[in-house]
Structures are given as structure tokens and as C-alpha cells.
Amino acid sequence: MEECKMRLEDKLYLNGYKIDEIGGSHLHIKDPDVCKTCELKQCLYICACKVYELDENTDKIVINYDACVECGTCRIACDNIDWKYPRGGFGIAYKFG
């Protein structure tokens, strides 16, 4: 029997996300200067959804909050991330539970 292998990106695509146009992102970098001196930049590696990316032109962390599955791992890994749940009715919507 052939094993079905599904990439993480394909699985994440099954989720929906309702963007909060008024309230904005539920993720924020507290102090961007801290990120510039951070050697590990663990936010780039800890998030399975690749919410955090380094813009090499500006050397700043870019947050793609609409990919967030709200697991909270990033706030544990980095004290410089301000993380809260989105306002009611917004955020991740799991299609299969």
C-alpha cells in the first residue's frame, strides 16, 4: 500500500483564518532593536507555520499573523513577542475540528 505523504503547508492550507481588519494582528514584536541583537532568532525556527520571517533588506522580523494557528509556542520561546488571542470571532478556524 502506498503511503500518503502530505506536506505541512498542505495541511495548514486546510485551515481558514478570519482576519481582524479593525483590531489588527494579535502578534507584535515588543522591541525591534532586541531582534537585531538576538543571536538565536528562535522565532524564525520555533514556529511550524513560519509566521516569522527575516526581511534581509531591512534586517527586521516580519510577522505573517494570518498563518498563525494560535499554539502560543512563540511566546514561550521569545520574551520579545507580545502574543494574545485574537478578538472573538477572529483568528484560526479549523475545518476538521
Protein backbone atom coordinates (compact mmCIF):
# COMPACT_ATOMS: atom_id res chain seq x y z
CA MET A 1 0.00 0.00 0.00
CA GLU A 2 1.35 3.44 -0.94
CA GLU A 3 1.78 5.83 1.94
CA CYS A 4 0.18 9.25 1.52
CA LYS A 5 2.60 11.98 2.47
CA MET A 6 1.22 15.44 2.97
CA ARG A 7 3.43 18.47 3.44
CA LEU A 8 2.88 20.77 6.42
CA GLU A 9 1.95 23.60 4.06
CA ASP A 10 -0.78 21.44 2.53
CA LYS A 11 -2.20 20.62 5.96
CA LEU A 12 -2.14 24.26 7.04
CA TYR A 13 -3.97 25.20 3.86
CA LEU A 14 -6.96 23.21 5.15
CA ASN A 15 -7.41 25.78 7.93
CA GLY A 16 -9.22 29.04 7.50
CA TYR A 17 -8.33 32.35 9.08
CA LYS A 18 -10.66 35.26 9.69
CA ILE A 19 -8.55 38.42 9.63
CA ASP A 20 -9.41 41.17 12.09
CA GLU A 21 -9.27 44.25 9.88
CA ILE A 22 -10.07 46.59 12.78
CA GLY A 23 -8.13 45.04 15.66
CA GLY A 24 -5.17 44.00 13.53
CA SER A 25 -2.56 41.44 14.42
CA HIS A 26 -2.60 39.55 17.70
CA LEU A 27 1.19 39.20 17.43
CA HIS A 28 3.65 42.04 17.92
CA ILE A 29 7.37 42.44 18.42
CA LYS A 30 7.80 44.40 21.66
CA ASP A 31 11.17 45.94 20.79
CA PRO A 32 12.51 45.52 17.22
CA ASP A 33 16.01 46.50 18.39
CA VAL A 34 16.15 43.38 20.57
CA CYS A 35 15.63 41.25 17.44
CA LYS A 36 18.59 42.90 15.74
CA THR A 37 20.94 41.82 18.53
CA CYS A 38 19.35 38.40 19.11
CA GLU A 39 21.82 35.72 18.08
CA LEU A 40 19.41 32.77 18.06
CA LYS A 41 16.37 34.39 16.43
CA GLN A 42 14.40 31.41 17.72
CA CYS A 43 11.10 32.79 16.43
CA LEU A 44 12.28 32.00 12.90
CA TYR A 45 12.72 28.33 13.75
CA ILE A 46 10.24 27.55 16.53
CA CYS A 47 7.09 28.32 14.56
CA ALA A 48 5.99 25.35 12.44
CA CYS A 49 3.72 27.67 10.44
CA LYS A 50 6.56 30.02 9.50
CA VAL A 51 4.72 33.05 10.84
CA TYR A 52 8.00 34.88 11.46
CA GLU A 53 10.38 35.70 8.62
CA LEU A 54 13.52 37.80 8.44
CA ASP A 55 13.42 40.58 5.86
CA GLU A 56 17.04 40.58 4.82
CA ASN A 57 16.77 44.03 3.21
CA THR A 58 15.71 45.74 6.45
CA ASP A 59 17.02 43.10 8.92
CA LYS A 60 13.61 43.15 10.64
CA ILE A 61 11.31 40.32 11.65
CA VAL A 62 8.12 40.26 9.56
CA ILE A 63 5.01 38.68 11.08
CA ASN A 64 2.55 36.85 8.83
CA TYR A 65 -0.10 36.60 11.53
CA ASP A 66 -2.77 35.21 9.22
CA ALA A 67 -0.84 31.91 9.15
CA CYS A 68 -0.84 31.58 12.97
CA VAL A 69 -2.55 28.53 14.49
CA GLU A 70 -2.52 30.20 17.94
CA CYS A 71 -0.50 27.50 19.68
CA GLY A 72 1.50 30.02 21.75
CA THR A 73 4.87 28.35 21.20
CA CYS A 74 6.48 31.59 20.05
CA ARG A 75 5.60 33.45 23.24
CA ILE A 76 7.28 30.74 25.28
CA ALA A 77 10.39 30.74 23.08
CA CYS A 78 10.83 34.51 22.92
CA ASP A 79 10.14 37.12 25.60
CA ASN A 80 10.13 39.85 22.94
CA ILE A 81 6.88 38.66 21.36
CA ASP A 82 3.61 40.15 22.58
CA TRP A 83 1.07 37.37 21.95
CA LYS A 84 -2.62 37.35 22.72
CA TYR A 85 -5.66 35.60 21.33
CA PRO A 86 -7.44 37.44 18.51
CA ARG A 87 -10.72 39.15 19.32
CA GLY A 88 -13.75 36.89 19.49
CA GLY A 89 -14.78 35.52 16.12
CA PHE A 90 -11.41 36.17 14.51
CA GLY A 91 -8.32 34.05 14.03
CA ILE A 92 -7.87 30.42 13.12
CA ALA A 93 -10.83 28.30 12.01
CA TYR A 94 -10.07 24.58 11.88
CA LYS A 95 -12.05 22.91 9.12
CA PHE A 96 -11.73 19.42 10.59
CA GLY A 97 -12.05 20.05 14.31
